[in-house]
Amino acid sequence: MARTRFRLSFDLLEVSAVALLAALAGLWYSTRPPLHHVEAIPLVERYGQEERRTAGYEEWIVRDFFGDQRGGVFVDIGAATPKWHSNTWWLETQQGWSGIAVDAIQEYGAAYAAERPRTRFRSYFVSDRSGELVPFTYVPELSLVSSADEAFAKDFGKETVTRHVPTITLTELLDREGIGRLDFLTIDIELAEPKALAGFDIERFRPRLVCIEAHAETRQFILDYFASHGYVLVGQYLRIDPLNVYFRPLTAAAPDGLAAAASGVVAGSASRGRK
């Protein structure tokens, strides 16, 4: 049987050709418009291709829901940096909102003081009980990776740091800060969302929109919690954002942006018809 011999080296011309093809492919992809989920296209058309501060569509979803309403109040739990990956940066800097940002990593406070004058930064671990100290692990090389679940943080394969952080319930935090009206609540605390919800009197504060990260391990608890407190999923955003789920009170009237978008979806569906 004849044996096939494979060449394991390449001459300079072949290497140059491969490099040129790779460069051309990179140039082609860099000039193409970004791909979007089909249900996000109305948001893309409405807000253009300008740079979002959130990694996903969170910023556009919040703007759409509130119809670019001005002067609202937000609370951002697990806020991290004041600008990039922030669900509330646009609300404050462009729409005049104000509120509270909370993160267990106290070092973020200086940047909030410098860049977000309408936001009060507080360093706590939001949980089901106040006044305790809990271990909190973060990855210095990846500032957005942190959790009270040490194994979760260490899954990222980087050196981690653990410190003890004081706990506070969301209800106590809002009372201390004098927050009576709450338009937007966003929670992203890597598997600790159930504990934060357990310490929140949602009937009292009744946020108009909640954005909450829902990992597989916590998703059912989150869905059950909001259903039991009279909230419903905002269905039109369900497939646009794979990481977060959005809830509004069942009996609340939809803001203008949400109503307009919903009308557009219904009208577009009717015009396309069924196949």
C-alpha atoms as a PDB file:
ATOM      1  CA  MET A   1       0.000   0.000   0.000  1.00  0.00           C
ATOM      2  CA  ALA A   2       1.358   3.394  -0.976  1.00  0.00           C
ATOM      3  CA  ARG A   3       1.889   5.823   1.827  1.00  0.00           C
ATOM      4  CA  THR A   4       0.847   9.439   1.623  1.00  0.00           C
ATOM      5  CA  ARG A   5       3.494  11.838   2.785  1.00  0.00           C
ATOM      6  CA  PHE A   6       2.448  15.077   4.443  1.00  0.00           C
ATOM      7  CA  ARG A   7       4.547  18.211   4.221  1.00  0.00           C
ATOM      8  CA  LEU A   8       4.901  19.868   7.616  1.00  0.00           C
ATOM      9  CA  SER A   9       6.686  23.026   6.444  1.00  0.00           C
ATOM     10  CA  PHE A  10       5.704  25.863   4.121  1.00  0.00           C
ATOM     11  CA  ASP A  11       7.829  28.122   1.970  1.00  0.00           C
ATOM     12  CA  LEU A  12       7.856  31.905   2.285  1.00  0.00           C
ATOM     13  CA  LEU A  13       5.478  32.456  -0.647  1.00  0.00           C
ATOM     14  CA  GLU A  14       2.838  30.155   0.850  1.00  0.00           C
ATOM     15  CA  VAL A  15       3.095  31.773   4.276  1.00  0.00           C
ATOM     16  CA  SER A  16       2.750  35.230   2.689  1.00  0.00           C
ATOM     17  CA  ALA A  17      -0.309  34.119   0.741  1.00  0.00           C
ATOM     18  CA  VAL A  18      -2.021  32.793   3.871  1.00  0.00           C
ATOM     19  CA  ALA A  19      -1.227  35.996   5.770  1.00  0.00           C
ATOM     20  CA  LEU A  20      -2.630  38.115   2.927  1.00  0.00           C
ATOM     21  CA  LEU A  21      -5.869  36.092   2.829  1.00  0.00           C
ATOM     22  CA  ALA A  22      -6.253  36.421   6.583  1.00  0.00           C
ATOM     23  CA  ALA A  23      -5.716  40.181   6.403  1.00  0.00           C
ATOM     24  CA  LEU A  24      -8.261  40.542   3.593  1.00  0.00           C
ATOM     25  CA  ALA A  25     -10.781  38.452   5.527  1.00  0.00           C
ATOM     26  CA  GLY A  26     -10.262  40.626   8.607  1.00  0.00           C
ATOM     27  CA  LEU A  27     -10.726  43.789   6.552  1.00  0.00           C
ATOM     28  CA  TRP A  28     -13.945  42.432   5.026  1.00  0.00           C
ATOM     29  CA  TYR A  29     -15.410  41.520   8.404  1.00  0.00           C
ATOM     30  CA  SER A  30     -14.366  44.848   9.941  1.00  0.00           C
ATOM     31  CA  THR A  31     -16.307  46.774   7.303  1.00  0.00           C
ATOM     32  CA  ARG A  32     -19.461  44.692   7.589  1.00  0.00           C
ATOM     33  CA  PRO A  33     -22.275  45.984   9.823  1.00  0.00           C
ATOM     34  CA  PRO A  34     -22.601  44.027  13.086  1.00  0.00           C
ATOM     35  CA  LEU A  35     -25.020  41.133  13.079  1.00  0.00           C
ATOM     36  CA  HIS A  36     -28.048  41.552  15.307  1.00  0.00           C
ATOM     37  CA  HIS A  37     -30.748  39.249  16.544  1.00  0.00           C
ATOM     38  CA  VAL A  38     -33.722  39.704  14.229  1.00  0.00           C
ATOM     39  CA  GLU A  39     -35.916  40.911  17.107  1.00  0.00           C
ATOM     40  CA  ALA A  40     -33.328  43.585  17.961  1.00  0.00           C
ATOM     41  CA  ILE A  41     -33.545  45.188  14.512  1.00  0.00           C
ATOM     42  CA  PRO A  42     -36.215  47.741  15.600  1.00  0.00           C
ATOM     43  CA  LEU A  43     -33.842  48.871  18.377  1.00  0.00           C
ATOM     44  CA  VAL A  44     -30.937  49.090  15.936  1.00  0.00           C
ATOM     45  CA  GLU A  45     -33.020  51.192  13.552  1.00  0.00           C
ATOM     46  CA  ARG A  46     -34.313  53.428  16.327  1.00  0.00           C
ATOM     47  CA  TYR A  47     -30.996  54.134  18.066  1.00  0.00           C
ATOM     48  CA  GLY A  48     -28.524  53.697  15.211  1.00  0.00           C
ATOM     49  CA  GLN A  49     -25.135  52.064  15.382  1.00  0.00           C
ATOM     50  CA  GLU A  50     -23.632  54.393  17.949  1.00  0.00           C
ATOM     51  CA  GLU A  51     -21.451  52.831  20.566  1.00  0.00           C
ATOM     52  CA  ARG A  52     -23.410  51.266  23.417  1.00  0.00           C
ATOM     53  CA  ARG A  53     -21.916  51.291  26.909  1.00  0.00           C
ATOM     54  CA  THR A  54     -23.419  47.902  27.666  1.00  0.00           C
ATOM     55  CA  ALA A  55     -21.939  44.734  26.191  1.00  0.00           C
ATOM     56  CA  GLY A  56     -25.359  43.586  25.007  1.00  0.00           C
ATOM     57  CA  TYR A  57     -28.603  45.398  24.252  1.00  0.00           C
ATOM     58  CA  GLU A  58     -29.359  46.422  27.834  1.00  0.00           C
ATOM     59  CA  GLU A  59     -28.906  50.149  27.228  1.00  0.00           C
ATOM     60  CA  TRP A  60     -31.209  50.162  24.210  1.00  0.00           C
ATOM     61  CA  ILE A  61     -33.816  47.995  25.942  1.00  0.00           C
ATOM     62  CA  VAL A  62     -34.003  50.365  28.916  1.00  0.00           C
ATOM     63  CA  ARG A  63     -34.237  53.391  26.639  1.00  0.00           C
ATOM     64  CA  ASP A  64     -36.969  51.707  24.619  1.00  0.00           C
ATOM     65  CA  PHE A  65     -39.012  50.703  27.640  1.00  0.00           C
ATOM     66  CA  PHE A  66     -38.985  54.176  29.187  1.00  0.00           C
ATOM     67  CA  GLY A  67     -39.219  56.025  25.880  1.00  0.00           C
ATOM     68  CA  ASP A  68     -36.178  58.156  26.805  1.00  0.00           C
ATOM     69  CA  GLN A  69     -38.113  59.538  29.784  1.00  0.00           C
ATOM     70  CA  ARG A  70     -36.156  62.118  31.749  1.00  0.00           C
ATOM     71  CA  GLY A  71     -35.528  62.470  35.460  1.00  0.00           C
ATOM     72  CA  GLY A  72     -36.197  58.950  36.721  1.00  0.00           C
ATOM     73  CA  VAL A  73     -34.700  57.097  39.691  1.00  0.00           C
ATOM     74  CA  PHE A  74     -32.585  53.938  39.411  1.00  0.00           C
ATOM     75  CA  VAL A  75     -30.865  51.474  41.734  1.00  0.00           C
ATOM     76  CA  ASP A  76     -27.983  49.470  40.253  1.00  0.00           C
ATOM     77  CA  ILE A  77     -26.958  46.406  42.275  1.00  0.00           C
ATOM     78  CA  GLY A  78     -23.639  44.904  41.186  1.00  0.00           C
ATOM     79  CA  ALA A  79     -22.918  48.133  39.362  1.00  0.00           C
ATOM     80  CA  ALA A  80     -19.176  47.620  38.721  1.00  0.00           C
ATOM     81  CA  THR A  81     -17.638  50.383  36.569  1.00  0.00           C
ATOM     82  CA  PRO A  82     -19.477  53.702  36.142  1.00  0.00           C
ATOM     83  CA  LYS A  83     -19.460  53.782  32.339  1.00  0.00           C
ATOM     84  CA  TRP A  84     -18.606  50.610  30.461  1.00  0.00           C
ATOM     85  CA  HIS A  85     -20.998  47.690  30.935  1.00  0.00           C
ATOM     86  CA  SER A  86     -23.253  49.999  32.942  1.00  0.00           C
ATOM     87  CA  ASN A  87     -27.034  49.739  32.581  1.00  0.00           C
ATOM     88  CA  THR A  88     -27.485  53.201  34.099  1.00  0.00           C
ATOM     89  CA  TRP A  89     -24.750  55.374  32.523  1.00  0.00           C
ATOM     90  CA  TRP A  90     -27.002  56.583  29.701  1.00  0.00           C
ATOM     91  CA  LEU A  91     -29.904  57.299  32.040  1.00  0.00           C
ATOM     92  CA  GLU A  92     -27.804  59.602  34.193  1.00  0.00           C
ATOM     93  CA  THR A  93     -25.578  61.326  31.654  1.00  0.00           C
ATOM     94  CA  GLN A  94     -28.090  61.739  28.835  1.00  0.00           C
ATOM     95  CA  GLN A  95     -31.515  61.682  30.489  1.00  0.00           C
ATOM     96  CA  GLY A  96     -30.877  63.345  33.847  1.00  0.00           C
ATOM     97  CA  TRP A  97     -31.710  60.341  36.034  1.00  0.00           C
ATOM     98  CA  SER A  98     -30.221  59.843  39.505  1.00  0.00           C
ATOM     99  CA  GLY A  99     -29.862  56.962  41.880  1.00  0.00           C
ATOM    100  CA  ILE A 100     -27.740  54.500  43.825  1.00  0.00           C
ATOM    101  CA  ALA A 101     -24.934  52.244  42.567  1.00  0.00           C
ATOM    102  CA  VAL A 102     -23.900  49.363  44.811  1.00  0.00           C
ATOM    103  CA  ASP A 103     -20.924  47.061  44.447  1.00  0.00           C
ATOM    104  CA  ALA A 104     -18.928  44.921  46.864  1.00  0.00           C
ATOM    105  CA  ILE A 105     -15.672  46.217  45.340  1.00  0.00           C
ATOM    106  CA  GLN A 106     -15.196  49.555  47.068  1.00  0.00           C
ATOM    107  CA  GLU A 107     -12.455  50.685  44.665  1.00  0.00           C
ATOM    108  CA  TYR A 108     -15.099  51.617  42.085  1.00  0.00           C
ATOM    109  CA  GLY A 109     -16.213  54.477  44.323  1.00  0.00           C
ATOM    110  CA  ALA A 110     -13.568  56.962  43.167  1.00  0.00           C
ATOM    111  CA  ALA A 111     -14.559  56.618  39.510  1.00  0.00           C
ATOM    112  CA  TYR A 112     -18.236  57.145  40.370  1.00  0.00           C
ATOM    113  CA  ALA A 113     -17.370  60.301  42.309  1.00  0.00           C
ATOM    114  CA  ALA A 114     -15.443  61.615  39.298  1.00  0.00           C
ATOM    115  CA  GLU A 115     -17.747  60.544  36.441  1.00  0.00           C
ATOM    116  CA  ARG A 116     -21.256  60.099  37.868  1.00  0.00           C
ATOM    117  CA  PRO A 117     -22.189  63.107  40.048  1.00  0.00           C
ATOM    118  CA  ARG A 118     -25.883  62.161  40.214  1.00  0.00           C
ATOM    119  CA  THR A 119     -25.116  58.654  41.496  1.00  0.00           C
ATOM    120  CA  ARG A 120     -24.371  57.773  45.108  1.00  0.00           C
ATOM    121  CA  PHE A 121     -21.963  54.823  45.255  1.00  0.00           C
ATOM    122  CA  ARG A 122     -22.192  52.404  48.187  1.00  0.00           C
ATOM    123  CA  SER A 123     -20.034  49.358  48.855  1.00  0.00           C
ATOM    124  CA  TYR A 124     -22.074  46.461  50.237  1.00  0.00           C
ATOM    125  CA  PHE A 125     -23.004  42.910  49.448  1.00  0.00           C
ATOM    126  CA  VAL A 126     -26.774  43.058  48.970  1.00  0.00           C
ATOM    127  CA  SER A 127     -28.311  39.996  50.633  1.00  0.00           C
ATOM    128  CA  ASP A 128     -31.228  38.689  52.669  1.00  0.00           C
ATOM    129  CA  ARG A 129     -29.836  40.009  55.971  1.00  0.00           C
ATOM    130  CA  SER A 130     -28.008  43.163  57.026  1.00  0.00           C
ATOM    131  CA  GLY A 131     -25.038  43.632  59.333  1.00  0.00           C
ATOM    132  CA  GLU A 132     -23.051  40.511  58.532  1.00  0.00           C
ATOM    133  CA  LEU A 133     -19.664  40.011  56.883  1.00  0.00           C
ATOM    134  CA  VAL A 134     -19.479  37.614  53.958  1.00  0.00           C
ATOM    135  CA  PRO A 135     -16.483  36.435  51.925  1.00  0.00           C
ATOM    136  CA  PHE A 136     -16.450  37.961  48.458  1.00  0.00           C
ATOM    137  CA  THR A 137     -14.122  36.852  45.663  1.00  0.00           C
ATOM    138  CA  TYR A 138     -13.042  38.886  42.659  1.00  0.00           C
ATOM    139  CA  VAL A 139     -10.544  38.580  39.802  1.00  0.00           C
ATOM    140  CA  PRO A 140      -8.205  41.609  39.733  1.00  0.00           C
ATOM    141  CA  GLU A 141      -7.274  41.034  36.083  1.00  0.00           C
ATOM    142  CA  LEU A 142     -10.944  40.843  35.061  1.00  0.00           C
ATOM    143  CA  SER A 143     -12.658  43.614  36.983  1.00  0.00           C
ATOM    144  CA  LEU A 144     -16.166  42.532  35.963  1.00  0.00           C
ATOM    145  CA  VAL A 145     -15.740  39.011  37.380  1.00  0.00           C
ATOM    146  CA  SER A 146     -16.670  38.843  41.070  1.00  0.00           C
ATOM    147  CA  SER A 147     -19.017  36.793  43.217  1.00  0.00           C
ATOM    148  CA  ALA A 148     -19.828  35.590  46.707  1.00  0.00           C
ATOM    149  CA  ASP A 149     -19.535  32.129  45.127  1.00  0.00           C
ATOM    150  CA  GLU A 150     -15.768  31.528  45.142  1.00  0.00           C
ATOM    151  CA  ALA A 151     -16.013  28.616  42.708  1.00  0.00           C
ATOM    152  CA  PHE A 152     -17.839  30.834  40.207  1.00  0.00           C
ATOM    153  CA  ALA A 153     -15.034  33.416  40.226  1.00  0.00           C
ATOM    154  CA  LYS A 154     -12.291  30.779  40.036  1.00  0.00           C
ATOM    155  CA  ASP A 155     -13.889  29.228  36.950  1.00  0.00           C
ATOM    156  CA  PHE A 156     -12.322  32.058  34.981  1.00  0.00           C
ATOM    157  CA  GLY A 157      -8.861  30.615  35.593  1.00  0.00           C
ATOM    158  CA  LYS A 158      -7.268  33.757  36.944  1.00  0.00           C
ATOM    159  CA  GLU A 159      -5.746  34.673  40.281  1.00  0.00           C
ATOM    160  CA  THR A 160      -8.511  35.620  42.706  1.00  0.00           C
ATOM    161  CA  VAL A 161      -8.710  37.775  45.814  1.00  0.00           C
ATOM    162  CA  THR A 162     -11.175  37.176  48.653  1.00  0.00           C
ATOM    163  CA  ARG A 163     -12.174  39.812  51.185  1.00  0.00           C
ATOM    164  CA  HIS A 164     -15.017  40.189  53.685  1.00  0.00           C
ATOM    165  CA  VAL A 165     -17.752  42.654  52.771  1.00  0.00           C
ATOM    166  CA  PRO A 166     -20.656  43.962  54.915  1.00  0.00           C
ATOM    167  CA  THR A 167     -24.147  42.855  53.922  1.00  0.00           C
ATOM    168  CA  ILE A 168     -27.282  44.939  53.631  1.00  0.00           C
ATOM    169  CA  THR A 169     -30.798  44.160  52.476  1.00  0.00           C
ATOM    170  CA  LEU A 170     -32.136  46.068  49.507  1.00  0.00           C
ATOM    171  CA  THR A 171     -35.042  47.354  51.598  1.00  0.00           C
ATOM    172  CA  GLU A 172     -32.736  48.726  54.303  1.00  0.00           C
ATOM    173  CA  LEU A 173     -30.485  50.299  51.690  1.00  0.00           C
ATOM    174  CA  LEU A 174     -33.398  52.131  50.062  1.00  0.00           C
ATOM    175  CA  ASP A 175     -34.670  53.315  53.441  1.00  0.00           C
ATOM    176  CA  ARG A 176     -31.224  54.591  54.461  1.00  0.00           C
ATOM    177  CA  GLU A 177     -30.832  56.457  51.187  1.00  0.00           C
ATOM    178  CA  GLY A 178     -34.320  57.947  51.315  1.00  0.00           C
ATOM    179  CA  ILE A 179     -35.495  56.246  48.115  1.00  0.00           C
ATOM    180  CA  GLY A 180     -39.287  56.121  48.036  1.00  0.00           C
ATOM    181  CA  ARG A 181     -39.901  56.090  44.296  1.00  0.00           C
ATOM    182  CA  LEU A 182     -38.091  53.565  42.099  1.00  0.00           C
ATOM    183  CA  ASP A 183     -38.379  53.491  38.317  1.00  0.00           C
ATOM    184  CA  PHE A 184     -35.599  51.097  37.316  1.00  0.00           C
ATOM    185  CA  LEU A 185     -33.923  48.335  39.312  1.00  0.00           C
ATOM    186  CA  THR A 186     -31.033  46.387  37.794  1.00  0.00           C
ATOM    187  CA  ILE A 187     -29.379  43.439  39.569  1.00  0.00           C
ATOM    188  CA  ASP A 188     -26.298  41.563  38.392  1.00  0.00           C
ATOM    189  CA  ILE A 189     -24.549  39.801  41.278  1.00  0.00           C
ATOM    190  CA  GLU A 190     -23.537  36.410  39.886  1.00  0.00           C
ATOM    191  CA  LEU A 191     -25.798  33.794  41.519  1.00  0.00           C
ATOM    192  CA  ALA A 192     -26.664  35.914  44.587  1.00  0.00           C
ATOM    193  CA  GLU A 193     -29.820  37.384  43.006  1.00  0.00           C
ATOM    194  CA  PRO A 194     -32.183  35.150  45.058  1.00  0.00           C
ATOM    195  CA  LYS A 195     -30.716  36.450  48.328  1.00  0.00           C
ATOM    196  CA  ALA A 196     -31.026  40.049  47.170  1.00  0.00           C
ATOM    197  CA  LEU A 197     -34.674  39.494  46.231  1.00  0.00           C
ATOM    198  CA  ALA A 198     -35.372  37.793  49.568  1.00  0.00           C
ATOM    199  CA  GLY A 199     -34.380  41.030  51.324  1.00  0.00           C
ATOM    200  CA  PHE A 200     -36.484  43.311  49.118  1.00  0.00           C
ATOM    201  CA  ASP A 201     -39.990  44.577  49.893  1.00  0.00           C
ATOM    202  CA  ILE A 202     -41.017  44.775  46.250  1.00  0.00           C
ATOM    203  CA  GLU A 203     -44.649  45.603  47.037  1.00  0.00           C
ATOM    204  CA  ARG A 204     -43.531  48.763  48.824  1.00  0.00           C
ATOM    205  CA  PHE A 205     -41.163  50.108  46.178  1.00  0.00           C
ATOM    206  CA  ARG A 206     -42.804  48.635  43.074  1.00  0.00           C
ATOM    207  CA  PRO A 207     -40.114  49.365  40.442  1.00  0.00           C
ATOM    208  CA  ARG A 208     -41.541  49.996  36.974  1.00  0.00           C
ATOM    209  CA  LEU A 209     -38.866  47.870  35.303  1.00  0.00           C
ATOM    210  CA  VAL A 210     -36.483  45.266  36.684  1.00  0.00           C
ATOM    211  CA  CYS A 211     -33.504  43.947  34.732  1.00  0.00           C
ATOM    212  CA  ILE A 212     -31.983  40.928  36.452  1.00  0.00           C
ATOM    213  CA  GLU A 213     -29.316  38.471  35.374  1.00  0.00           C
ATOM    214  CA  ALA A 214     -30.677  34.924  35.360  1.00  0.00           C
ATOM    215  CA  HIS A 215     -28.139  32.101  35.269  1.00  0.00           C
ATOM    216  CA  ALA A 216     -29.477  28.580  34.847  1.00  0.00           C
ATOM    217  CA  GLU A 217     -28.948  27.896  38.561  1.00  0.00           C
ATOM    218  CA  THR A 218     -31.132  30.817  39.667  1.00  0.00           C
ATOM    219  CA  ARG A 219     -33.556  31.314  36.772  1.00  0.00           C
ATOM    220  CA  GLN A 220     -36.499  29.342  38.140  1.00  0.00           C
ATOM    221  CA  PHE A 221     -36.338  31.048  41.522  1.00  0.00           C
ATOM    222  CA  ILE A 222     -36.323  34.441  39.782  1.00  0.00           C
ATOM    223  CA  LEU A 223     -39.294  33.575  37.571  1.00  0.00           C
ATOM    224  CA  ASP A 224     -41.269  32.236  40.548  1.00  0.00           C
ATOM    225  CA  TYR A 225     -40.418  35.255  42.706  1.00  0.00           C
ATOM    226  CA  PHE A 226     -41.680  37.827  40.239  1.00  0.00           C
ATOM    227  CA  ALA A 227     -44.785  35.814  39.349  1.00  0.00           C
ATOM    228  CA  SER A 228     -45.689  35.568  43.022  1.00  0.00           C
ATOM    229  CA  HIS A 229     -45.365  39.353  43.413  1.00  0.00           C
ATOM    230  CA  GLY A 230     -47.524  40.364  40.473  1.00  0.00           C
ATOM    231  CA  TYR A 231     -44.821  40.959  37.855  1.00  0.00           C
ATOM    232  CA  VAL A 232     -44.668  39.646  34.309  1.00  0.00           C
ATOM    233  CA  LEU A 233     -41.879  39.128  31.813  1.00  0.00           C
ATOM    234  CA  VAL A 234     -41.523  41.845  29.211  1.00  0.00           C
ATOM    235  CA  GLY A 235     -41.812  39.354  26.378  1.00  0.00           C
ATOM    236  CA  GLN A 236     -40.540  41.446  23.492  1.00  0.00           C
ATOM    237  CA  TYR A 237     -37.034  41.532  24.985  1.00  0.00           C
ATOM    238  CA  LEU A 238     -36.881  37.867  25.933  1.00  0.00           C
ATOM    239  CA  ARG A 239     -34.815  36.647  22.979  1.00  0.00           C
ATOM    240  CA  ILE A 240     -32.867  39.851  22.391  1.00  0.00           C
ATOM    241  CA  ASP A 241     -30.962  39.585  25.674  1.00  0.00           C
ATOM    242  CA  PRO A 242     -29.889  36.014  26.532  1.00  0.00           C
ATOM    243  CA  LEU A 243     -28.323  36.937  29.892  1.00  0.00           C
ATOM    244  CA  ASN A 244     -30.982  39.044  31.586  1.00  0.00           C
ATOM    245  CA  VAL A 245     -34.731  38.913  32.049  1.00  0.00           C
ATOM    246  CA  TYR A 246     -36.948  41.992  32.307  1.00  0.00           C
ATOM    247  CA  PHE A 247     -40.056  42.323  34.475  1.00  0.00           C
ATOM    248  CA  ARG A 248     -42.763  44.948  34.911  1.00  0.00           C
ATOM    249  CA  PRO A 249     -45.817  45.023  37.193  1.00  0.00           C
ATOM    250  CA  LEU A 250     -48.740  43.152  35.668  1.00  0.00           C
ATOM    251  CA  THR A 251     -51.169  46.003  36.300  1.00  0.00           C
ATOM    252  CA  ALA A 252     -48.876  48.841  35.218  1.00  0.00           C
ATOM    253  CA  ALA A 253     -49.488  50.714  31.992  1.00  0.00           C
ATOM    254  CA  ALA A 254     -46.694  50.271  29.477  1.00  0.00           C
ATOM    255  CA  PRO A 255     -44.465  53.328  28.927  1.00  0.00           C
ATOM    256  CA  ASP A 256     -44.736  55.101  25.583  1.00  0.00           C
ATOM    257  CA  GLY A 257     -41.664  53.456  24.074  1.00  0.00           C
ATOM    258  CA  LEU A 258     -42.866  49.963  24.944  1.00  0.00           C
ATOM    259  CA  ALA A 259     -46.376  50.621  23.657  1.00  0.00           C
ATOM    260  CA  ALA A 260     -45.094  52.081  20.384  1.00  0.00           C
ATOM    261  CA  ALA A 261     -42.723  49.199  19.819  1.00  0.00           C
ATOM    262  CA  ALA A 262     -45.430  46.663  20.598  1.00  0.00           C
ATOM    263  CA  SER A 263     -47.764  48.332  18.090  1.00  0.00           C
ATOM    264  CA  GLY A 264     -45.043  48.141  15.460  1.00  0.00           C
ATOM    265  CA  VAL A 265     -44.493  44.444  16.124  1.00  0.00           C
ATOM    266  CA  VAL A 266     -48.223  43.695  15.863  1.00  0.00           C
ATOM    267  CA  ALA A 267     -48.608  45.723  12.690  1.00  0.00           C
ATOM    268  CA  GLY A 268     -45.545  44.122  11.132  1.00  0.00           C
ATOM    269  CA  SER A 269     -46.761  40.633  11.998  1.00  0.00           C
ATOM    270  CA  ALA A 270     -50.162  41.343  10.475  1.00  0.00           C
ATOM    271  CA  SER A 271     -48.645  42.646   7.233  1.00  0.00           C
ATOM    272  CA  ARG A 272     -46.376  39.625   6.835  1.00  0.00           C
ATOM    273  CA  GLY A 273     -49.124  37.110   7.479  1.00  0.00           C
ATOM    274  CA  ARG A 274     -48.582  33.408   8.093  1.00  0.00           C
ATOM    275  CA  LYS A 275     -46.663  31.049   5.903  1.00  0.00           C
END
